[in-house]
Amino acid sequence: MMEKKIITPIMRPEQQSLFLLHIAVLLFGGTALFSKLITLNALDITVYRTAIAGLTLFTLLLVQKKAIKLAQPRDYVTALILGIVVGLHWVTYFAGMQLAGVTIGIIAFFTYPVMTVFLEPIFAKSKPKIKDIISAAVVLFGIYLLVPEANLGNDVTLGIVSGVVSGALFALRNILQKRYFASYNGPHTMLYQTLIAACLLAAFVDVKPNQLSSEHLHLLFLAGIVFTALPHALFAQSLLNLSATTAGLISCLQPLYGTVLAFMLLAERPTLTTIIGGLLVVSAAFYETWSIARKSRRRG
């Protein structure tokens, strides 16, 4: 008798999910490149990118025969608020990259994990802990190393401020979503947030749809589908076999991926000061993410 060969999968489910997660974070990091590749202002990039991403997610949910509607009427109000915050976050995100460059802009944005620990107590009516204040001090010093001069007339300084504001808005979005919208998965929540952001900001675009060049359209579709809708779907898929802790810690690699891609594709060379400042900011982000995850496990 011939023995049956047992064919084992190349990767276990956990390994596949980890691979998908890294791809998602790499694509999230690559999003910053479009601030330089697309010759439109930050608001126009945000509107077209979010509209394309929203329609892609809508199609994805339809194909997968998943729910489109929200469970309760009040959830639409929450979705509206989240959409406004997300829209402002992306406008300031792209503006920061355009003004300060991809590397510095993405480092400034990644102050959001530390901002989260200062915003959450406002909702929980508690006080920040000493360790969080120390993390904030490390981040401030890291940002200080990035700032060329204390003058908003300097594009890099203004870009850093814009990136930090974007980080604050992103932290606020995450807190609101966790508290009031946690029952929905990633693609479902992003469907509403992207479409609402696009609709609310559409009235302010400078370049109308019929004025977009073929190059604009190609890059916008690439940004909206491959670098927005796809990574959100991959991120949600990876959480099926990975913990939120792992996802959060791996997400801290986003500045690294963004910096490497900017170096390879845009020839952006970070200075030694930028690298040191970036390491301080990302280290604090990594620590706060790990600390929050450890506290959650203890509660569990």
C-alpha atoms as a PDB file:
ATOM      1  CA  MET A   1       0.000   0.000   0.000  1.00  0.00           C
ATOM      2  CA  MET A   2       1.114   3.486  -0.816  1.00  0.00           C
ATOM      3  CA  GLU A   3       1.475   5.772   2.132  1.00  0.00           C
ATOM      4  CA  LYS A   4      -0.478   8.983   1.967  1.00  0.00           C
ATOM      5  CA  LYS A   5       1.673  12.056   2.142  1.00  0.00           C
ATOM      6  CA  ILE A   6       0.579  14.628   4.645  1.00  0.00           C
ATOM      7  CA  ILE A   7       0.889  18.072   3.115  1.00  0.00           C
ATOM      8  CA  THR A   8       1.449  20.711   5.745  1.00  0.00           C
ATOM      9  CA  PRO A   9       0.839  24.388   5.040  1.00  0.00           C
ATOM     10  CA  ILE A  10       3.907  26.533   4.407  1.00  0.00           C
ATOM     11  CA  MET A  11       2.882  28.900   7.188  1.00  0.00           C
ATOM     12  CA  ARG A  12       0.681  28.419  10.224  1.00  0.00           C
ATOM     13  CA  PRO A  13      -2.361  30.700  10.588  1.00  0.00           C
ATOM     14  CA  GLU A  14      -0.505  32.859  13.127  1.00  0.00           C
ATOM     15  CA  GLN A  15       2.470  33.232  10.777  1.00  0.00           C
ATOM     16  CA  GLN A  16       0.203  34.095   7.854  1.00  0.00           C
ATOM     17  CA  SER A  17      -1.554  36.718   9.954  1.00  0.00           C
ATOM     18  CA  LEU A  18       1.777  38.190  11.059  1.00  0.00           C
ATOM     19  CA  PHE A  19       2.860  38.392   7.422  1.00  0.00           C
ATOM     20  CA  LEU A  20      -0.416  40.121   6.481  1.00  0.00           C
ATOM     21  CA  LEU A  21       0.031  42.530   9.382  1.00  0.00           C
ATOM     22  CA  HIS A  22       3.526  43.522   8.237  1.00  0.00           C
ATOM     23  CA  ILE A  23       2.236  44.067   4.693  1.00  0.00           C
ATOM     24  CA  ALA A  24      -0.568  46.250   6.083  1.00  0.00           C
ATOM     25  CA  VAL A  25       1.844  48.346   8.177  1.00  0.00           C
ATOM     26  CA  LEU A  26       4.231  48.652   5.211  1.00  0.00           C
ATOM     27  CA  LEU A  27       1.368  49.948   3.052  1.00  0.00           C
ATOM     28  CA  PHE A  28       0.262  52.338   5.812  1.00  0.00           C
ATOM     29  CA  GLY A  29       3.826  53.674   5.895  1.00  0.00           C
ATOM     30  CA  GLY A  30       3.815  54.001   2.115  1.00  0.00           C
ATOM     31  CA  THR A  31       0.729  56.219   2.227  1.00  0.00           C
ATOM     32  CA  ALA A  32       2.944  59.151   3.206  1.00  0.00           C
ATOM     33  CA  LEU A  33       4.765  58.970  -0.145  1.00  0.00           C
ATOM     34  CA  PHE A  34       1.680  60.212  -1.978  1.00  0.00           C
ATOM     35  CA  SER A  35       2.006  63.597  -0.276  1.00  0.00           C
ATOM     36  CA  LYS A  36       5.015  64.089  -2.550  1.00  0.00           C
ATOM     37  CA  LEU A  37       4.059  61.946  -5.557  1.00  0.00           C
ATOM     38  CA  ILE A  38       0.648  63.567  -6.128  1.00  0.00           C
ATOM     39  CA  THR A  39       0.911  67.228  -7.166  1.00  0.00           C
ATOM     40  CA  LEU A  40      -2.272  68.297  -5.391  1.00  0.00           C
ATOM     41  CA  ASN A  41      -2.785  70.059  -2.083  1.00  0.00           C
ATOM     42  CA  ALA A  42      -3.367  68.034   1.098  1.00  0.00           C
ATOM     43  CA  LEU A  43      -7.143  68.560   1.128  1.00  0.00           C
ATOM     44  CA  ASP A  44      -7.604  67.475  -2.497  1.00  0.00           C
ATOM     45  CA  ILE A  45      -5.506  64.341  -1.936  1.00  0.00           C
ATOM     46  CA  THR A  46      -7.593  63.524   1.135  1.00  0.00           C
ATOM     47  CA  VAL A  47     -10.950  63.954  -0.642  1.00  0.00           C
ATOM     48  CA  TYR A  48     -10.145  61.831  -3.683  1.00  0.00           C
ATOM     49  CA  ARG A  49      -8.239  59.208  -1.739  1.00  0.00           C
ATOM     50  CA  THR A  50     -10.992  58.744   0.848  1.00  0.00           C
ATOM     51  CA  ALA A  51     -13.724  58.659  -1.812  1.00  0.00           C
ATOM     52  CA  ILE A  52     -11.922  55.920  -3.751  1.00  0.00           C
ATOM     53  CA  ALA A  53     -11.120  53.987  -0.566  1.00  0.00           C
ATOM     54  CA  GLY A  54     -14.737  54.244   0.636  1.00  0.00           C
ATOM     55  CA  LEU A  55     -16.156  52.948  -2.632  1.00  0.00           C
ATOM     56  CA  THR A  56     -13.613  50.111  -2.636  1.00  0.00           C
ATOM     57  CA  LEU A  57     -14.551  49.093   0.907  1.00  0.00           C
ATOM     58  CA  PHE A  58     -18.243  49.294  -0.001  1.00  0.00           C
ATOM     59  CA  THR A  59     -17.643  46.915  -2.925  1.00  0.00           C
ATOM     60  CA  LEU A  60     -15.564  44.600  -0.720  1.00  0.00           C
ATOM     61  CA  LEU A  61     -18.303  44.341   1.912  1.00  0.00           C
ATOM     62  CA  LEU A  62     -20.911  43.685  -0.784  1.00  0.00           C
ATOM     63  CA  VAL A  63     -18.831  40.899  -2.359  1.00  0.00           C
ATOM     64  CA  GLN A  64     -18.261  39.335   1.067  1.00  0.00           C
ATOM     65  CA  LYS A  65     -22.012  39.716   1.781  1.00  0.00           C
ATOM     66  CA  LYS A  66     -21.301  41.527   5.023  1.00  0.00           C
ATOM     67  CA  ALA A  67     -23.485  44.144   6.681  1.00  0.00           C
ATOM     68  CA  ILE A  68     -23.431  47.680   5.332  1.00  0.00           C
ATOM     69  CA  LYS A  69     -25.972  49.293   7.643  1.00  0.00           C
ATOM     70  CA  LEU A  70     -25.190  50.230  11.210  1.00  0.00           C
ATOM     71  CA  ALA A  71     -26.963  48.513  14.089  1.00  0.00           C
ATOM     72  CA  GLN A  72     -28.475  51.573  15.785  1.00  0.00           C
ATOM     73  CA  PRO A  73     -29.542  55.078  14.637  1.00  0.00           C
ATOM     74  CA  ARG A  74     -27.222  56.727  17.182  1.00  0.00           C
ATOM     75  CA  ASP A  75     -24.259  54.934  15.556  1.00  0.00           C
ATOM     76  CA  TYR A  76     -24.711  57.139  12.483  1.00  0.00           C
ATOM     77  CA  VAL A  77     -24.099  60.207  14.663  1.00  0.00           C
ATOM     78  CA  THR A  78     -20.927  58.564  15.999  1.00  0.00           C
ATOM     79  CA  ALA A  79     -19.864  57.721  12.430  1.00  0.00           C
ATOM     80  CA  LEU A  80     -20.396  61.370  11.436  1.00  0.00           C
ATOM     81  CA  ILE A  81     -18.170  62.611  14.272  1.00  0.00           C
ATOM     82  CA  LEU A  82     -15.511  60.006  13.458  1.00  0.00           C
ATOM     83  CA  GLY A  83     -15.649  60.965   9.775  1.00  0.00           C
ATOM     84  CA  ILE A  84     -15.042  64.634  10.611  1.00  0.00           C
ATOM     85  CA  VAL A  85     -12.096  63.807  12.876  1.00  0.00           C
ATOM     86  CA  VAL A  86     -10.609  61.404  10.303  1.00  0.00           C
ATOM     87  CA  GLY A  87     -10.963  63.944   7.496  1.00  0.00           C
ATOM     88  CA  LEU A  88      -9.111  66.612   9.490  1.00  0.00           C
ATOM     89  CA  HIS A  89      -6.508  64.041  10.546  1.00  0.00           C
ATOM     90  CA  TRP A  90      -5.689  63.126   6.947  1.00  0.00           C
ATOM     91  CA  VAL A  91      -5.570  66.726   5.727  1.00  0.00           C
ATOM     92  CA  THR A  92      -3.073  67.658   8.449  1.00  0.00           C
ATOM     93  CA  TYR A  93      -1.217  64.366   7.877  1.00  0.00           C
ATOM     94  CA  PHE A  94      -0.564  65.055   4.194  1.00  0.00           C
ATOM     95  CA  ALA A  95       0.112  68.743   4.873  1.00  0.00           C
ATOM     96  CA  GLY A  96       2.782  67.764   7.403  1.00  0.00           C
ATOM     97  CA  MET A  97       4.495  65.495   4.858  1.00  0.00           C
ATOM     98  CA  GLN A  98       4.365  68.125   2.114  1.00  0.00           C
ATOM     99  CA  LEU A  99       5.888  70.786   4.353  1.00  0.00           C
ATOM    100  CA  ALA A 100       8.439  68.852   6.406  1.00  0.00           C
ATOM    101  CA  GLY A 101       9.125  65.808   4.215  1.00  0.00           C
ATOM    102  CA  VAL A 102       7.953  62.225   4.633  1.00  0.00           C
ATOM    103  CA  THR A 103      10.459  61.143   7.286  1.00  0.00           C
ATOM    104  CA  ILE A 104      10.013  64.095   9.652  1.00  0.00           C
ATOM    105  CA  GLY A 105       6.266  64.298   8.999  1.00  0.00           C
ATOM    106  CA  ILE A 106       5.630  60.656   9.845  1.00  0.00           C
ATOM    107  CA  ILE A 107       7.754  60.910  13.012  1.00  0.00           C
ATOM    108  CA  ALA A 108       5.752  63.967  14.128  1.00  0.00           C
ATOM    109  CA  PHE A 109       2.518  62.090  13.476  1.00  0.00           C
ATOM    110  CA  PHE A 110       3.709  59.128  15.526  1.00  0.00           C
ATOM    111  CA  THR A 111       3.433  61.148  18.712  1.00  0.00           C
ATOM    112  CA  TYR A 112      -0.160  59.830  18.791  1.00  0.00           C
ATOM    113  CA  PRO A 113       0.426  56.809  21.128  1.00  0.00           C
ATOM    114  CA  VAL A 114       1.737  59.158  23.820  1.00  0.00           C
ATOM    115  CA  MET A 115      -1.074  61.641  23.178  1.00  0.00           C
ATOM    116  CA  THR A 116      -3.528  58.808  23.644  1.00  0.00           C
ATOM    117  CA  VAL A 117      -2.480  58.273  27.258  1.00  0.00           C
ATOM    118  CA  PHE A 118      -3.132  61.955  27.946  1.00  0.00           C
ATOM    119  CA  LEU A 119      -6.465  62.124  26.132  1.00  0.00           C
ATOM    120  CA  GLU A 120      -7.924  58.906  27.565  1.00  0.00           C
ATOM    121  CA  PRO A 121      -7.957  60.191  31.177  1.00  0.00           C
ATOM    122  CA  ILE A 122     -10.208  63.045  30.019  1.00  0.00           C
ATOM    123  CA  PHE A 123     -12.860  60.472  29.090  1.00  0.00           C
ATOM    124  CA  ALA A 124     -12.111  58.191  32.061  1.00  0.00           C
ATOM    125  CA  LYS A 125     -11.870  61.144  34.504  1.00  0.00           C
ATOM    126  CA  SER A 126      -8.476  60.053  35.810  1.00  0.00           C
ATOM    127  CA  LYS A 127      -4.962  61.495  35.926  1.00  0.00           C
ATOM    128  CA  PRO A 128      -1.943  60.581  33.780  1.00  0.00           C
ATOM    129  CA  LYS A 129       0.728  58.517  35.535  1.00  0.00           C
ATOM    130  CA  ILE A 130       4.334  59.545  36.113  1.00  0.00           C
ATOM    131  CA  LYS A 131       5.615  57.082  33.505  1.00  0.00           C
ATOM    132  CA  ASP A 132       3.333  58.679  30.904  1.00  0.00           C
ATOM    133  CA  ILE A 133       4.663  62.133  31.757  1.00  0.00           C
ATOM    134  CA  ILE A 134       8.213  60.802  31.315  1.00  0.00           C
ATOM    135  CA  SER A 135       7.227  59.334  27.910  1.00  0.00           C
ATOM    136  CA  ALA A 136       5.770  62.709  26.931  1.00  0.00           C
ATOM    137  CA  ALA A 137       9.016  64.429  27.941  1.00  0.00           C
ATOM    138  CA  VAL A 138      11.003  61.995  25.768  1.00  0.00           C
ATOM    139  CA  VAL A 139       8.675  62.696  22.829  1.00  0.00           C
ATOM    140  CA  LEU A 140       8.946  66.453  23.311  1.00  0.00           C
ATOM    141  CA  PHE A 141      12.733  66.215  23.301  1.00  0.00           C
ATOM    142  CA  GLY A 142      12.595  64.069  20.164  1.00  0.00           C
ATOM    143  CA  ILE A 143      10.367  66.651  18.450  1.00  0.00           C
ATOM    144  CA  TYR A 144      12.666  69.432  19.677  1.00  0.00           C
ATOM    145  CA  LEU A 145      15.556  67.754  17.829  1.00  0.00           C
ATOM    146  CA  LEU A 146      13.501  67.757  14.629  1.00  0.00           C
ATOM    147  CA  VAL A 147      12.487  71.440  14.735  1.00  0.00           C
ATOM    148  CA  PRO A 148      14.972  73.628  12.805  1.00  0.00           C
ATOM    149  CA  GLU A 149      13.761  76.894  14.379  1.00  0.00           C
ATOM    150  CA  ALA A 150      10.866  78.096  16.564  1.00  0.00           C
ATOM    151  CA  ASN A 151       9.227  79.953  13.710  1.00  0.00           C
ATOM    152  CA  LEU A 152       6.008  78.926  11.960  1.00  0.00           C
ATOM    153  CA  GLY A 153       7.310  80.725   8.892  1.00  0.00           C
ATOM    154  CA  ASN A 154       9.693  77.795   8.459  1.00  0.00           C
ATOM    155  CA  ASP A 155       8.051  75.041   6.383  1.00  0.00           C
ATOM    156  CA  VAL A 156       9.669  72.207   8.340  1.00  0.00           C
ATOM    157  CA  THR A 157       8.533  73.645  11.684  1.00  0.00           C
ATOM    158  CA  LEU A 158       5.013  74.200  10.346  1.00  0.00           C
ATOM    159  CA  GLY A 159       5.035  70.668   8.951  1.00  0.00           C
ATOM    160  CA  ILE A 160       6.010  69.241  12.338  1.00  0.00           C
ATOM    161  CA  VAL A 161       3.188  71.171  14.023  1.00  0.00           C
ATOM    162  CA  SER A 162       0.782  69.865  11.380  1.00  0.00           C
ATOM    163  CA  GLY A 163       2.045  66.303  11.934  1.00  0.00           C
ATOM    164  CA  VAL A 164       1.602  66.577  15.701  1.00  0.00           C
ATOM    165  CA  VAL A 165      -1.939  67.946  15.250  1.00  0.00           C
ATOM    166  CA  SER A 166      -2.635  65.015  12.920  1.00  0.00           C
ATOM    167  CA  GLY A 167      -1.382  62.650  15.628  1.00  0.00           C
ATOM    168  CA  ALA A 168      -3.671  64.263  18.205  1.00  0.00           C
ATOM    169  CA  LEU A 169      -6.677  63.899  15.895  1.00  0.00           C
ATOM    170  CA  PHE A 170      -5.783  60.276  15.193  1.00  0.00           C
ATOM    171  CA  ALA A 171      -5.504  59.571  18.928  1.00  0.00           C
ATOM    172  CA  LEU A 172      -8.911  61.195  19.457  1.00  0.00           C
ATOM    173  CA  ARG A 173     -10.394  59.085  16.639  1.00  0.00           C
ATOM    174  CA  ASN A 174      -9.024  55.885  18.168  1.00  0.00           C
ATOM    175  CA  ILE A 175     -10.394  56.702  21.617  1.00  0.00           C
ATOM    176  CA  LEU A 176     -13.854  57.614  20.294  1.00  0.00           C
ATOM    177  CA  GLN A 177     -13.942  54.511  18.110  1.00  0.00           C
ATOM    178  CA  LYS A 178     -12.867  52.252  20.979  1.00  0.00           C
ATOM    179  CA  ARG A 179     -15.497  53.698  23.337  1.00  0.00           C
ATOM    180  CA  TYR A 180     -18.465  54.135  21.000  1.00  0.00           C
ATOM    181  CA  PHE A 181     -17.847  52.139  17.802  1.00  0.00           C
ATOM    182  CA  ALA A 182     -15.949  49.019  18.905  1.00  0.00           C
ATOM    183  CA  SER A 183     -18.698  46.595  17.835  1.00  0.00           C
ATOM    184  CA  TYR A 184     -17.847  47.091  14.138  1.00  0.00           C
ATOM    185  CA  ASN A 185     -14.848  45.626  12.296  1.00  0.00           C
ATOM    186  CA  GLY A 186     -12.120  47.648  10.566  1.00  0.00           C
ATOM    187  CA  PRO A 187     -13.447  47.746   6.966  1.00  0.00           C
ATOM    188  CA  HIS A 188     -16.998  48.500   8.198  1.00  0.00           C
ATOM    189  CA  THR A 189     -15.907  51.467  10.324  1.00  0.00           C
ATOM    190  CA  MET A 190     -13.556  52.802   7.656  1.00  0.00           C
ATOM    191  CA  LEU A 191     -16.311  52.612   5.039  1.00  0.00           C
ATOM    192  CA  TYR A 192     -18.316  55.243   6.882  1.00  0.00           C
ATOM    193  CA  GLN A 193     -15.350  57.316   7.992  1.00  0.00           C
ATOM    194  CA  THR A 194     -13.826  57.577   4.517  1.00  0.00           C
ATOM    195  CA  LEU A 195     -17.094  58.372   2.731  1.00  0.00           C
ATOM    196  CA  ILE A 196     -18.152  60.941   5.334  1.00  0.00           C
ATOM    197  CA  ALA A 197     -14.722  62.605   5.227  1.00  0.00           C
ATOM    198  CA  ALA A 198     -14.847  62.761   1.415  1.00  0.00           C
ATOM    199  CA  CYS A 199     -18.389  64.175   1.334  1.00  0.00           C
ATOM    200  CA  LEU A 200     -17.750  66.847   3.981  1.00  0.00           C
ATOM    201  CA  LEU A 201     -14.487  68.070   2.438  1.00  0.00           C
ATOM    202  CA  ALA A 202     -15.524  67.782  -1.234  1.00  0.00           C
ATOM    203  CA  ALA A 203     -16.923  71.325  -1.318  1.00  0.00           C
ATOM    204  CA  PHE A 204     -13.446  72.748  -0.627  1.00  0.00           C
ATOM    205  CA  VAL A 205     -11.400  71.025  -3.349  1.00  0.00           C
ATOM    206  CA  ASP A 206      -9.353  73.230  -5.671  1.00  0.00           C
ATOM    207  CA  VAL A 207      -9.001  70.739  -8.516  1.00  0.00           C
ATOM    208  CA  LYS A 208     -12.360  69.415  -9.709  1.00  0.00           C
ATOM    209  CA  PRO A 209     -12.719  65.794 -10.904  1.00  0.00           C
ATOM    210  CA  ASN A 210     -12.789  66.819 -14.600  1.00  0.00           C
ATOM    211  CA  GLN A 211      -9.498  68.707 -14.096  1.00  0.00           C
ATOM    212  CA  LEU A 212      -7.563  65.697 -12.833  1.00  0.00           C
ATOM    213  CA  SER A 213      -4.832  64.433 -15.156  1.00  0.00           C
ATOM    214  CA  SER A 214      -4.389  60.756 -15.968  1.00  0.00           C
ATOM    215  CA  GLU A 215      -1.300  60.732 -13.721  1.00  0.00           C
ATOM    216  CA  HIS A 216      -3.360  62.160 -10.858  1.00  0.00           C
ATOM    217  CA  LEU A 217      -6.027  59.491 -11.355  1.00  0.00           C
ATOM    218  CA  HIS A 218      -3.534  56.630 -11.473  1.00  0.00           C
ATOM    219  CA  LEU A 219      -1.815  57.741  -8.265  1.00  0.00           C
ATOM    220  CA  LEU A 220      -5.100  58.500  -6.483  1.00  0.00           C
ATOM    221  CA  PHE A 221      -6.512  55.069  -7.320  1.00  0.00           C
ATOM    222  CA  LEU A 222      -3.250  53.502  -6.155  1.00  0.00           C
ATOM    223  CA  ALA A 223      -3.405  55.501  -2.894  1.00  0.00           C
ATOM    224  CA  GLY A 224      -7.108  54.829  -2.331  1.00  0.00           C
ATOM    225  CA  ILE A 225      -7.195  51.112  -3.150  1.00  0.00           C
ATOM    226  CA  VAL A 226      -3.740  49.628  -2.555  1.00  0.00           C
ATOM    227  CA  PHE A 227      -2.551  51.953   0.230  1.00  0.00           C
ATOM    228  CA  THR A 228      -5.837  52.603   2.062  1.00  0.00           C
ATOM    229  CA  ALA A 229      -8.599  50.049   1.499  1.00  0.00           C
ATOM    230  CA  LEU A 230      -6.262  47.039   1.153  1.00  0.00           C
ATOM    231  CA  PRO A 231      -4.181  47.603   4.327  1.00  0.00           C
ATOM    232  CA  HIS A 232      -7.327  48.149   6.411  1.00  0.00           C
ATOM    233  CA  ALA A 233      -8.728  44.861   5.099  1.00  0.00           C
ATOM    234  CA  LEU A 234      -5.406  43.074   5.743  1.00  0.00           C
ATOM    235  CA  PHE A 235      -5.135  44.583   9.217  1.00  0.00           C
ATOM    236  CA  ALA A 236      -8.636  43.372  10.102  1.00  0.00           C
ATOM    237  CA  GLN A 237      -7.844  39.912   8.669  1.00  0.00           C
ATOM    238  CA  SER A 238      -4.625  39.640  10.697  1.00  0.00           C
ATOM    239  CA  LEU A 239      -6.530  40.229  13.945  1.00  0.00           C
ATOM    240  CA  LEU A 240      -8.339  36.914  13.444  1.00  0.00           C
ATOM    241  CA  ASN A 241      -5.220  35.063  14.631  1.00  0.00           C
ATOM    242  CA  LEU A 242      -3.223  37.783  16.382  1.00  0.00           C
ATOM    243  CA  SER A 243      -3.849  39.822  19.495  1.00  0.00           C
ATOM    244  CA  ALA A 244      -4.469  43.566  19.439  1.00  0.00           C
ATOM    245  CA  THR A 245      -1.232  43.817  21.452  1.00  0.00           C
ATOM    246  CA  THR A 246       0.841  42.313  18.652  1.00  0.00           C
ATOM    247  CA  ALA A 247      -0.920  44.490  16.075  1.00  0.00           C
ATOM    248  CA  GLY A 248      -0.238  47.623  18.088  1.00  0.00           C
ATOM    249  CA  LEU A 249       3.442  46.855  18.599  1.00  0.00           C
ATOM    250  CA  ILE A 250       4.041  45.919  14.957  1.00  0.00           C
ATOM    251  CA  SER A 251       2.300  49.159  13.937  1.00  0.00           C
ATOM    252  CA  CYS A 252       5.156  51.028  15.613  1.00  0.00           C
ATOM    253  CA  LEU A 253       7.278  49.950  12.630  1.00  0.00           C
ATOM    254  CA  GLN A 254       5.294  52.303  10.389  1.00  0.00           C
ATOM    255  CA  PRO A 255       7.779  55.225  10.687  1.00  0.00           C
ATOM    256  CA  LEU A 256      10.643  52.843   9.851  1.00  0.00           C
ATOM    257  CA  TYR A 257       8.863  51.513   6.778  1.00  0.00           C
ATOM    258  CA  GLY A 258       7.882  55.036   5.705  1.00  0.00           C
ATOM    259  CA  THR A 259      11.440  56.311   6.134  1.00  0.00           C
ATOM    260  CA  VAL A 260      12.956  53.419   4.154  1.00  0.00           C
ATOM    261  CA  LEU A 261      10.422  53.862   1.327  1.00  0.00           C
ATOM    262  CA  ALA A 262      11.051  57.628   1.255  1.00  0.00           C
ATOM    263  CA  PHE A 263      14.786  56.964   1.023  1.00  0.00           C
ATOM    264  CA  MET A 264      14.367  54.408  -1.774  1.00  0.00           C
ATOM    265  CA  LEU A 265      11.712  56.181  -3.856  1.00  0.00           C
ATOM    266  CA  LEU A 266      12.077  59.881  -3.023  1.00  0.00           C
ATOM    267  CA  ALA A 267      15.795  60.008  -2.153  1.00  0.00           C
ATOM    268  CA  GLU A 268      15.018  61.564   1.246  1.00  0.00           C
ATOM    269  CA  ARG A 269      18.102  61.178   3.432  1.00  0.00           C
ATOM    270  CA  PRO A 270      17.426  61.679   7.154  1.00  0.00           C
ATOM    271  CA  THR A 271      20.090  63.538   9.117  1.00  0.00           C
ATOM    272  CA  LEU A 272      21.649  62.087  12.264  1.00  0.00           C
ATOM    273  CA  THR A 273      19.572  64.496  14.379  1.00  0.00           C
ATOM    274  CA  THR A 274      16.398  63.340  12.635  1.00  0.00           C
ATOM    275  CA  ILE A 275      17.299  59.695  13.267  1.00  0.00           C
ATOM    276  CA  ILE A 276      17.952  60.346  16.976  1.00  0.00           C
ATOM    277  CA  GLY A 277      14.747  62.363  17.348  1.00  0.00           C
ATOM    278  CA  GLY A 278      12.809  59.688  15.487  1.00  0.00           C
ATOM    279  CA  LEU A 279      14.203  56.919  17.682  1.00  0.00           C
ATOM    280  CA  LEU A 280      13.124  58.817  20.801  1.00  0.00           C
ATOM    281  CA  VAL A 281       9.584  59.359  19.500  1.00  0.00           C
ATOM    282  CA  VAL A 282       9.126  55.806  18.195  1.00  0.00           C
ATOM    283  CA  SER A 283      10.655  54.273  21.363  1.00  0.00           C
ATOM    284  CA  ALA A 284       8.160  56.189  23.492  1.00  0.00           C
ATOM    285  CA  ALA A 285       5.340  55.109  21.157  1.00  0.00           C
ATOM    286  CA  PHE A 286       6.467  51.482  21.397  1.00  0.00           C
ATOM    287  CA  TYR A 287       6.696  51.664  25.195  1.00  0.00           C
ATOM    288  CA  GLU A 288       3.244  53.237  25.606  1.00  0.00           C
ATOM    289  CA  THR A 289       1.676  50.690  23.248  1.00  0.00           C
ATOM    290  CA  TRP A 290       3.285  47.833  25.174  1.00  0.00           C
ATOM    291  CA  SER A 291       2.325  49.374  28.514  1.00  0.00           C
ATOM    292  CA  ILE A 292      -1.336  49.780  27.527  1.00  0.00           C
ATOM    293  CA  ALA A 293      -1.433  46.190  26.257  1.00  0.00           C
ATOM    294  CA  ARG A 294       0.110  44.849  29.490  1.00  0.00           C
ATOM    295  CA  LYS A 295      -2.440  46.772  31.564  1.00  0.00           C
ATOM    296  CA  SER A 296      -5.263  45.334  29.446  1.00  0.00           C
ATOM    297  CA  ARG A 297      -3.986  41.772  29.998  1.00  0.00           C
ATOM    298  CA  ARG A 298      -3.882  42.308  33.753  1.00  0.00           C
ATOM    299  CA  ARG A 299      -7.482  43.497  33.714  1.00  0.00           C
ATOM    300  CA  GLY A 300      -8.437  40.450  31.694  1.00  0.00           C
END
